[in-house]
Amino acid sequence: MDPDSNLPPANMRIIVSWRGAISTLEIPVATRIIEVKLLIWEALHVPVPADRQELSWEGQFLKDELTLQNYHIPPNASLTVFNKIEVKIYLEYSRFHFVYVVYDGTTVGELKAKLHADQGIDIEHKVLRMNGFDLDDRALLWAARVIEGTKLHLVEYRSRR
């Protein structure tokens, strides 16, 4: 009997999902998460640098310093890539702003709620405005075209007639 037959495979295939696009990578089981992120950026050409990626497996975010093996991720597992972006939120009639690094899959409403929870800022009857347009609280940041460096303004909601 071959003593190596009981050893786990040295390499495994993982499925990578980013904004609905799917690809695969063949990588060593002992690969650290930060190295997986680099491969996603370099080999799969996902336009998100490794330091701005967050990887998730079955709803759990993966720490850069750990390996696929540490998480007991099986072959053909699906990893989801989230893009982290930095946005600035300015308060109405103020030069003060808050800087947040959030996932671009966050909703506008969740970002407002985070501002309220972190800073105690009143968000009732207020909207986030970008380039003169009010953003829908249900919209995902990436769908609302909120990208790295976007400036948002928390302003009083005014109905347009």
N, C-alpha and C. Protein backbone atom coordinates (compact mmCIF):
# COMPACT_ATOMS: atom_id res chain seq x y z
N MET A 1 0.85 -1.19 0.00
CA MET A 1 0.00 0.00 0.00
C MET A 1 0.88 1.23 0.00
N ASP A 2 0.54 2.17 -0.82
CA ASP A 2 1.30 3.42 -0.94
C ASP A 2 1.02 4.30 0.27
N PRO A 3 2.06 4.69 1.06
CA PRO A 3 1.83 5.52 2.25
C PRO A 3 1.31 6.91 1.90
N ASP A 4 1.55 7.38 0.68
CA ASP A 4 1.08 8.70 0.28
C ASP A 4 -0.39 8.71 -0.13
N SER A 5 -1.00 7.55 -0.25
CA SER A 5 -2.38 7.50 -0.74
C SER A 5 -3.38 8.10 0.25
N ASN A 6 -3.02 8.19 1.52
CA ASN A 6 -3.92 8.77 2.52
C ASN A 6 -3.70 10.27 2.71
N LEU A 7 -2.69 10.82 2.06
CA LEU A 7 -2.41 12.24 2.20
C LEU A 7 -3.39 13.06 1.36
N PRO A 8 -3.76 14.24 1.85
CA PRO A 8 -4.63 15.09 1.03
C PRO A 8 -3.88 15.54 -0.22
N PRO A 9 -4.61 15.89 -1.28
CA PRO A 9 -3.94 16.33 -2.50
C PRO A 9 -3.15 17.62 -2.26
N ALA A 10 -2.04 17.76 -2.99
CA ALA A 10 -1.20 18.95 -2.84
C ALA A 10 -1.84 20.17 -3.50
N ASN A 11 -2.59 19.93 -4.57
CA ASN A 11 -3.26 21.02 -5.29
C ASN A 11 -4.76 20.81 -5.29
N MET A 12 -5.46 21.90 -5.47
CA MET A 12 -6.91 21.81 -5.57
C MET A 12 -7.43 22.89 -6.50
N ARG A 13 -8.61 22.66 -7.01
CA ARG A 13 -9.27 23.64 -7.86
C ARG A 13 -10.28 24.40 -7.01
N ILE A 14 -10.30 25.72 -7.17
CA ILE A 14 -11.34 26.53 -6.52
C ILE A 14 -12.07 27.32 -7.59
N ILE A 15 -13.30 27.62 -7.29
CA ILE A 15 -14.13 28.42 -8.19
C ILE A 15 -14.18 29.83 -7.61
N VAL A 16 -13.92 30.81 -8.45
CA VAL A 16 -13.88 32.21 -8.02
C VAL A 16 -15.04 32.96 -8.68
N SER A 17 -15.81 33.64 -7.85
CA SER A 17 -16.96 34.41 -8.34
C SER A 17 -16.75 35.89 -8.03
N TRP A 18 -16.88 36.73 -9.06
CA TRP A 18 -16.75 38.18 -8.89
C TRP A 18 -17.82 38.85 -9.74
N ARG A 19 -18.76 39.52 -9.07
CA ARG A 19 -19.85 40.24 -9.75
C ARG A 19 -20.59 39.37 -10.77
N GLY A 20 -20.78 38.11 -10.44
CA GLY A 20 -21.51 37.21 -11.30
C GLY A 20 -20.66 36.46 -12.30
N ALA A 21 -19.43 36.91 -12.54
CA ALA A 21 -18.51 36.20 -13.44
C ALA A 21 -17.84 35.08 -12.64
N ILE A 22 -17.62 33.94 -13.30
CA ILE A 22 -17.05 32.78 -12.62
C ILE A 22 -15.82 32.31 -13.38
N SER A 23 -14.79 31.95 -12.62
CA SER A 23 -13.57 31.38 -13.19
C SER A 23 -13.02 30.36 -12.20
N THR A 24 -11.97 29.66 -12.61
CA THR A 24 -11.37 28.66 -11.71
C THR A 24 -9.87 28.88 -11.61
N LEU A 25 -9.33 28.42 -10.49
CA LEU A 25 -7.89 28.44 -10.25
C LEU A 25 -7.46 27.08 -9.73
N GLU A 26 -6.33 26.62 -10.17
CA GLU A 26 -5.71 25.40 -9.64
C GLU A 26 -4.55 25.87 -8.78
N ILE A 27 -4.63 25.61 -7.47
CA ILE A 27 -3.63 26.15 -6.55
C ILE A 27 -3.27 25.13 -5.47
N PRO A 28 -2.09 25.29 -4.86
CA PRO A 28 -1.72 24.43 -3.74
C PRO A 28 -2.66 24.63 -2.55
N VAL A 29 -2.97 23.54 -1.86
CA VAL A 29 -3.86 23.58 -0.70
C VAL A 29 -3.30 24.49 0.39
N ALA A 30 -1.97 24.58 0.49
CA ALA A 30 -1.33 25.36 1.55
C ALA A 30 -1.18 26.84 1.19
N THR A 31 -1.84 27.29 0.13
CA THR A 31 -1.74 28.68 -0.29
C THR A 31 -2.41 29.60 0.73
N ARG A 32 -1.70 30.68 1.09
CA ARG A 32 -2.29 31.67 2.00
C ARG A 32 -3.34 32.50 1.24
N ILE A 33 -4.29 33.00 1.98
CA ILE A 33 -5.39 33.77 1.38
C ILE A 33 -4.86 34.98 0.62
N ILE A 34 -3.86 35.67 1.16
CA ILE A 34 -3.30 36.83 0.46
C ILE A 34 -2.71 36.41 -0.89
N GLU A 35 -2.15 35.20 -0.96
CA GLU A 35 -1.60 34.70 -2.23
C GLU A 35 -2.72 34.36 -3.21
N VAL A 36 -3.84 33.85 -2.69
CA VAL A 36 -5.00 33.59 -3.54
C VAL A 36 -5.48 34.91 -4.15
N LYS A 37 -5.53 35.96 -3.33
CA LYS A 37 -5.95 37.28 -3.82
C LYS A 37 -5.02 37.78 -4.92
N LEU A 38 -3.73 37.59 -4.74
CA LEU A 38 -2.77 38.00 -5.78
C LEU A 38 -3.00 37.23 -7.07
N LEU A 39 -3.26 35.92 -6.96
CA LEU A 39 -3.54 35.12 -8.15
C LEU A 39 -4.83 35.57 -8.84
N ILE A 40 -5.83 35.91 -8.05
CA ILE A 40 -7.09 36.40 -8.63
C ILE A 40 -6.83 37.67 -9.43
N TRP A 41 -5.99 38.54 -8.90
CA TRP A 41 -5.68 39.80 -9.57
C TRP A 41 -4.80 39.56 -10.80
N GLU A 42 -3.75 38.74 -10.64
CA GLU A 42 -2.78 38.56 -11.71
C GLU A 42 -3.20 37.53 -12.75
N ALA A 43 -3.64 36.35 -12.31
CA ALA A 43 -3.94 35.26 -13.24
C ALA A 43 -5.35 35.38 -13.84
N LEU A 44 -6.30 35.81 -13.03
CA LEU A 44 -7.68 35.91 -13.53
C LEU A 44 -8.01 37.30 -14.05
N HIS A 45 -7.11 38.24 -13.84
CA HIS A 45 -7.27 39.62 -14.32
C HIS A 45 -8.52 40.32 -13.76
N VAL A 46 -8.87 39.97 -12.52
CA VAL A 46 -9.94 40.70 -11.85
C VAL A 46 -9.35 42.06 -11.49
N PRO A 47 -9.98 43.16 -11.90
CA PRO A 47 -9.37 44.48 -11.74
C PRO A 47 -9.49 45.07 -10.33
N VAL A 48 -9.22 44.23 -9.35
CA VAL A 48 -9.27 44.65 -7.95
C VAL A 48 -7.95 44.22 -7.31
N PRO A 49 -7.08 45.17 -6.94
CA PRO A 49 -5.81 44.79 -6.30
C PRO A 49 -6.05 43.95 -5.05
N ALA A 50 -5.08 43.12 -4.73
CA ALA A 50 -5.21 42.19 -3.60
C ALA A 50 -5.58 42.89 -2.30
N ASP A 51 -5.03 44.07 -2.07
CA ASP A 51 -5.31 44.77 -0.80
C ASP A 51 -6.71 45.35 -0.75
N ARG A 52 -7.42 45.35 -1.87
CA ARG A 52 -8.80 45.86 -1.90
C ARG A 52 -9.82 44.72 -2.08
N GLN A 53 -9.33 43.48 -2.03
CA GLN A 53 -10.23 42.33 -2.13
C GLN A 53 -10.57 41.81 -0.74
N GLU A 54 -11.76 41.29 -0.62
CA GLU A 54 -12.15 40.52 0.56
C GLU A 54 -12.71 39.23 0.01
N LEU A 55 -12.19 38.09 0.48
CA LEU A 55 -12.67 36.80 0.01
C LEU A 55 -13.61 36.20 1.03
N SER A 56 -14.66 35.57 0.52
CA SER A 56 -15.66 34.95 1.38
C SER A 56 -15.89 33.52 0.91
N TRP A 57 -16.02 32.62 1.88
CA TRP A 57 -16.38 31.23 1.60
C TRP A 57 -17.53 30.88 2.52
N GLU A 58 -18.66 30.52 1.94
CA GLU A 58 -19.87 30.17 2.68
C GLU A 58 -20.22 31.23 3.72
N GLY A 59 -20.11 32.51 3.33
CA GLY A 59 -20.49 33.61 4.21
C GLY A 59 -19.44 34.03 5.22
N GLN A 60 -18.31 33.35 5.24
CA GLN A 60 -17.24 33.67 6.19
C GLN A 60 -16.13 34.41 5.46
N PHE A 61 -15.72 35.56 6.00
CA PHE A 61 -14.61 36.30 5.40
C PHE A 61 -13.30 35.66 5.83
N LEU A 62 -12.38 35.54 4.88
CA LEU A 62 -11.12 34.81 5.09
C LEU A 62 -9.98 35.76 5.41
N LYS A 63 -9.20 35.41 6.42
CA LYS A 63 -8.07 36.25 6.86
C LYS A 63 -6.85 35.99 5.99
N ASP A 64 -6.18 37.07 5.61
CA ASP A 64 -5.04 37.01 4.68
C ASP A 64 -3.94 36.05 5.12
N GLU A 65 -3.65 35.99 6.41
CA GLU A 65 -2.51 35.22 6.89
C GLU A 65 -2.79 33.72 6.99
N LEU A 66 -4.05 33.31 6.90
CA LEU A 66 -4.39 31.89 6.99
C LEU A 66 -4.39 31.26 5.60
N THR A 67 -4.49 29.93 5.57
CA THR A 67 -4.46 29.20 4.30
C THR A 67 -5.82 28.58 4.02
N LEU A 68 -5.98 28.10 2.79
CA LEU A 68 -7.19 27.36 2.43
C LEU A 68 -7.34 26.15 3.35
N GLN A 69 -6.22 25.53 3.66
CA GLN A 69 -6.19 24.35 4.53
C GLN A 69 -6.68 24.70 5.94
N ASN A 70 -6.28 25.86 6.46
CA ASN A 70 -6.73 26.29 7.79
C ASN A 70 -8.25 26.35 7.88
N TYR A 71 -8.88 26.74 6.80
CA TYR A 71 -10.34 26.87 6.78
C TYR A 71 -11.03 25.56 6.37
N HIS A 72 -10.26 24.54 6.04
CA HIS A 72 -10.81 23.25 5.59
C HIS A 72 -11.69 23.44 4.35
N ILE A 73 -11.21 24.30 3.46
CA ILE A 73 -11.95 24.56 2.23
C ILE A 73 -11.74 23.38 1.29
N PRO A 74 -12.82 22.74 0.85
CA PRO A 74 -12.69 21.55 0.01
C PRO A 74 -12.42 21.91 -1.46
N PRO A 75 -11.93 20.94 -2.23
CA PRO A 75 -11.76 21.17 -3.67
C PRO A 75 -13.10 21.58 -4.30
N ASN A 76 -13.03 22.40 -5.32
CA ASN A 76 -14.18 22.90 -6.06
C ASN A 76 -15.09 23.81 -5.23
N ALA A 77 -14.57 24.31 -4.12
CA ALA A 77 -15.33 25.27 -3.32
C ALA A 77 -15.40 26.59 -4.07
N SER A 78 -16.44 27.33 -3.80
CA SER A 78 -16.64 28.62 -4.46
C SER A 78 -16.28 29.75 -3.51
N LEU A 79 -15.32 30.58 -3.92
CA LEU A 79 -14.93 31.77 -3.17
C LEU A 79 -15.51 32.99 -3.87
N THR A 80 -16.05 33.91 -3.10
CA THR A 80 -16.60 35.14 -3.65
C THR A 80 -15.65 36.29 -3.37
N VAL A 81 -15.38 37.09 -4.40
CA VAL A 81 -14.51 38.26 -4.27
C VAL A 81 -15.38 39.49 -4.07
N PHE A 82 -15.11 40.21 -2.99
CA PHE A 82 -15.76 41.50 -2.75
C PHE A 82 -14.71 42.58 -2.91
N ASN A 83 -15.13 43.71 -3.45
CA ASN A 83 -14.25 44.84 -3.68
C ASN A 83 -14.45 45.87 -2.57
N LYS A 84 -13.37 46.25 -1.90
CA LYS A 84 -13.44 47.29 -0.87
C LYS A 84 -13.12 48.63 -1.53
N ILE A 85 -13.94 49.63 -1.23
CA ILE A 85 -13.71 50.97 -1.77
C ILE A 85 -13.72 51.98 -0.62
N GLU A 86 -13.01 53.08 -0.84
CA GLU A 86 -13.01 54.16 0.14
C GLU A 86 -13.93 55.27 -0.37
N VAL A 87 -14.86 55.68 0.49
CA VAL A 87 -15.76 56.78 0.15
C VAL A 87 -15.71 57.82 1.25
N LYS A 88 -16.01 59.06 0.88
CA LYS A 88 -16.08 60.15 1.86
C LYS A 88 -17.52 60.61 1.93
N ILE A 89 -18.00 60.78 3.16
CA ILE A 89 -19.36 61.27 3.37
C ILE A 89 -19.27 62.63 4.05
N TYR A 90 -19.75 63.64 3.34
CA TYR A 90 -19.76 65.01 3.85
C TYR A 90 -21.13 65.30 4.45
N LEU A 91 -21.15 66.06 5.53
CA LEU A 91 -22.41 66.44 6.16
C LEU A 91 -22.88 67.75 5.55
N GLU A 92 -24.19 67.89 5.41
CA GLU A 92 -24.78 69.10 4.83
C GLU A 92 -24.37 70.32 5.64
N TYR A 93 -24.00 71.37 4.95
CA TYR A 93 -23.59 72.65 5.56
C TYR A 93 -22.37 72.50 6.46
N SER A 94 -21.48 71.61 6.12
CA SER A 94 -20.31 71.38 6.96
C SER A 94 -19.13 70.98 6.09
N ARG A 95 -17.94 71.31 6.55
CA ARG A 95 -16.74 70.86 5.85
C ARG A 95 -16.25 69.53 6.40
N PHE A 96 -16.89 69.07 7.47
CA PHE A 96 -16.50 67.80 8.07
C PHE A 96 -16.92 66.65 7.17
N HIS A 97 -16.09 65.64 7.15
CA HIS A 97 -16.46 64.43 6.41
C HIS A 97 -15.93 63.21 7.15
N PHE A 98 -16.51 62.08 6.82
CA PHE A 98 -16.11 60.81 7.39
C PHE A 98 -15.65 59.91 6.26
N VAL A 99 -14.59 59.16 6.51
CA VAL A 99 -14.04 58.26 5.50
C VAL A 99 -14.40 56.83 5.89
N TYR A 100 -14.96 56.10 4.94
CA TYR A 100 -15.32 54.71 5.17
C TYR A 100 -14.70 53.84 4.08
N VAL A 101 -14.22 52.67 4.49
CA VAL A 101 -13.80 51.64 3.54
C VAL A 101 -14.85 50.54 3.67
N VAL A 102 -15.61 50.35 2.60
CA VAL A 102 -16.75 49.44 2.62
C VAL A 102 -16.74 48.57 1.37
N TYR A 103 -17.53 47.52 1.38
CA TYR A 103 -17.68 46.66 0.20
C TYR A 103 -18.57 47.37 -0.79
N ASP A 104 -18.24 47.24 -2.06
CA ASP A 104 -19.08 47.90 -3.07
C ASP A 104 -20.42 47.20 -3.23
N GLY A 105 -20.61 46.08 -2.55
CA GLY A 105 -21.89 45.38 -2.53
C GLY A 105 -22.78 45.82 -1.37
N THR A 106 -22.31 46.80 -0.61
CA THR A 106 -23.10 47.39 0.47
C THR A 106 -24.20 48.26 -0.15
N THR A 107 -25.37 48.31 0.48
CA THR A 107 -26.41 49.20 -0.04
C THR A 107 -26.19 50.61 0.49
N VAL A 108 -26.78 51.57 -0.19
CA VAL A 108 -26.71 52.96 0.24
C VAL A 108 -27.30 53.09 1.64
N GLY A 109 -28.41 52.41 1.89
CA GLY A 109 -29.05 52.44 3.20
C GLY A 109 -28.17 51.86 4.30
N GLU A 110 -27.45 50.79 3.98
CA GLU A 110 -26.54 50.19 4.96
C GLU A 110 -25.39 51.14 5.29
N LEU A 111 -24.92 51.87 4.28
CA LEU A 111 -23.85 52.85 4.52
C LEU A 111 -24.36 53.97 5.42
N LYS A 112 -25.57 54.44 5.17
CA LYS A 112 -26.16 55.46 6.04
C LYS A 112 -26.31 54.94 7.47
N ALA A 113 -26.78 53.70 7.60
CA ALA A 113 -26.96 53.10 8.93
C ALA A 113 -25.63 52.97 9.65
N LYS A 114 -24.57 52.67 8.91
CA LYS A 114 -23.23 52.57 9.50
C LYS A 114 -22.78 53.94 10.02
N LEU A 115 -23.04 54.98 9.25
CA LEU A 115 -22.72 56.34 9.68
C LEU A 115 -23.46 56.69 10.97
N HIS A 116 -24.73 56.31 11.03
CA HIS A 116 -25.53 56.56 12.24
C HIS A 116 -24.98 55.77 13.43
N ALA A 117 -24.69 54.48 13.22
CA ALA A 117 -24.20 53.62 14.32
C ALA A 117 -22.83 54.07 14.81
N ASP A 118 -21.94 54.41 13.89
CA ASP A 118 -20.56 54.78 14.27
C ASP A 118 -20.46 56.19 14.83
N GLN A 119 -21.21 57.12 14.26
CA GLN A 119 -21.03 58.53 14.60
C GLN A 119 -22.22 59.16 15.31
N GLY A 120 -23.34 58.45 15.38
CA GLY A 120 -24.53 59.00 16.02
C GLY A 120 -25.20 60.09 15.21
N ILE A 121 -24.91 60.14 13.92
CA ILE A 121 -25.47 61.16 13.03
C ILE A 121 -26.92 60.79 12.69
N ASP A 122 -27.81 61.75 12.78
CA ASP A 122 -29.21 61.53 12.43
C ASP A 122 -29.33 61.32 10.92
N ILE A 123 -29.93 60.21 10.52
CA ILE A 123 -30.08 59.92 9.09
C ILE A 123 -31.55 59.92 8.66
N GLU A 124 -32.45 60.13 9.62
CA GLU A 124 -33.87 60.12 9.28
C GLU A 124 -34.20 61.31 8.38
N HIS A 125 -34.95 61.02 7.33
CA HIS A 125 -35.35 62.03 6.34
C HIS A 125 -34.14 62.63 5.62
N LYS A 126 -33.06 61.84 5.52
CA LYS A 126 -31.87 62.31 4.80
C LYS A 126 -31.50 61.30 3.73
N VAL A 127 -30.83 61.80 2.71
CA VAL A 127 -30.38 60.96 1.60
C VAL A 127 -28.90 61.18 1.38
N LEU A 128 -28.27 60.21 0.75
CA LEU A 128 -26.90 60.41 0.28
C LEU A 128 -27.01 60.91 -1.16
N ARG A 129 -26.33 62.00 -1.43
CA ARG A 129 -26.38 62.62 -2.75
C ARG A 129 -25.00 62.53 -3.38
N MET A 130 -24.99 62.21 -4.67
CA MET A 130 -23.74 62.13 -5.43
C MET A 130 -23.93 62.91 -6.72
N ASN A 131 -23.05 63.87 -6.95
CA ASN A 131 -23.10 64.68 -8.18
C ASN A 131 -24.49 65.26 -8.43
N GLY A 132 -25.15 65.71 -7.36
CA GLY A 132 -26.45 66.34 -7.49
C GLY A 132 -27.64 65.40 -7.56
N PHE A 133 -27.40 64.09 -7.50
CA PHE A 133 -28.49 63.12 -7.58
C PHE A 133 -28.62 62.35 -6.27
N ASP A 134 -29.87 62.19 -5.81
CA ASP A 134 -30.14 61.42 -4.60
C ASP A 134 -30.02 59.94 -4.92
N LEU A 135 -29.33 59.20 -4.05
CA LEU A 135 -29.17 57.77 -4.23
C LEU A 135 -30.27 57.02 -3.49
N ASP A 136 -30.79 55.99 -4.13
CA ASP A 136 -31.83 55.15 -3.53
C ASP A 136 -31.19 54.29 -2.44
N ASP A 137 -31.80 54.28 -1.26
CA ASP A 137 -31.27 53.50 -0.13
C ASP A 137 -31.13 52.02 -0.45
N ARG A 138 -31.91 51.50 -1.39
CA ARG A 138 -31.88 50.07 -1.72
C ARG A 138 -30.79 49.71 -2.72
N ALA A 139 -30.19 50.70 -3.34
CA ALA A 139 -29.19 50.46 -4.40
C ALA A 139 -27.87 49.98 -3.81
N LEU A 140 -27.26 49.01 -4.49
CA LEU A 140 -25.90 48.61 -4.14
C LEU A 140 -24.95 49.72 -4.57
N LEU A 141 -23.89 49.93 -3.82
CA LEU A 141 -22.97 51.02 -4.15
C LEU A 141 -22.43 50.89 -5.57
N TRP A 142 -22.01 49.68 -5.97
CA TRP A 142 -21.45 49.54 -7.32
C TRP A 142 -22.51 49.82 -8.39
N ALA A 143 -23.77 49.46 -8.12
CA ALA A 143 -24.84 49.70 -9.09
C ALA A 143 -25.16 51.19 -9.18
N ALA A 144 -24.94 51.91 -8.08
CA ALA A 144 -25.17 53.36 -8.07
C ALA A 144 -23.95 54.12 -8.61
N ARG A 145 -22.96 53.38 -9.08
CA ARG A 145 -21.73 53.93 -9.65
C ARG A 145 -20.85 54.63 -8.61
N VAL A 146 -20.97 54.19 -7.35
CA VAL A 146 -20.09 54.69 -6.29
C VAL A 146 -18.81 53.88 -6.39
N ILE A 147 -17.70 54.57 -6.63
CA ILE A 147 -16.41 53.91 -6.82
C ILE A 147 -15.39 54.47 -5.82
N GLU A 148 -14.19 53.94 -5.88
CA GLU A 148 -13.09 54.40 -5.03
C GLU A 148 -12.96 55.92 -5.11
N GLY A 149 -12.97 56.57 -3.93
CA GLY A 149 -12.77 58.02 -3.86
C GLY A 149 -14.02 58.87 -4.04
N THR A 150 -15.16 58.24 -4.21
CA THR A 150 -16.40 58.99 -4.40
C THR A 150 -16.70 59.86 -3.18
N LYS A 151 -17.20 61.07 -3.46
CA LYS A 151 -17.64 61.97 -2.39
C LYS A 151 -19.17 61.96 -2.37
N LEU A 152 -19.70 61.62 -1.21
CA LEU A 152 -21.15 61.60 -1.01
C LEU A 152 -21.51 62.69 -0.01
N HIS A 153 -22.72 63.21 -0.12
CA HIS A 153 -23.18 64.26 0.78
C HIS A 153 -24.47 63.80 1.45
N LEU A 154 -24.47 63.80 2.78
CA LEU A 154 -25.68 63.47 3.53
C LEU A 154 -26.49 64.75 3.67
N VAL A 155 -27.66 64.77 3.02
CA VAL A 155 -28.47 65.99 2.97
C VAL A 155 -29.92 65.68 3.32
N GLU A 156 -30.64 66.72 3.70
CA GLU A 156 -32.07 66.61 4.00
C GLU A 156 -32.81 66.22 2.72
N TYR A 157 -33.72 65.25 2.83
CA TYR A 157 -34.51 64.84 1.68
C TYR A 157 -35.50 65.93 1.30
N ARG A 158 -35.55 66.26 0.04
CA ARG A 158 -36.52 67.22 -0.48
C ARG A 158 -37.22 66.58 -1.67
N SER A 159 -38.52 66.47 -1.58
CA SER A 159 -39.24 65.86 -2.70
C SER A 159 -39.20 66.82 -3.89
N ARG A 160 -39.06 66.23 -5.04
CA ARG A 160 -39.03 67.04 -6.28
C ARG A 160 -40.41 66.99 -6.91
N ARG A 161 -40.89 68.13 -7.26
CA ARG A 161 -42.25 68.19 -7.83
C ARG A 161 -42.21 68.29 -9.30
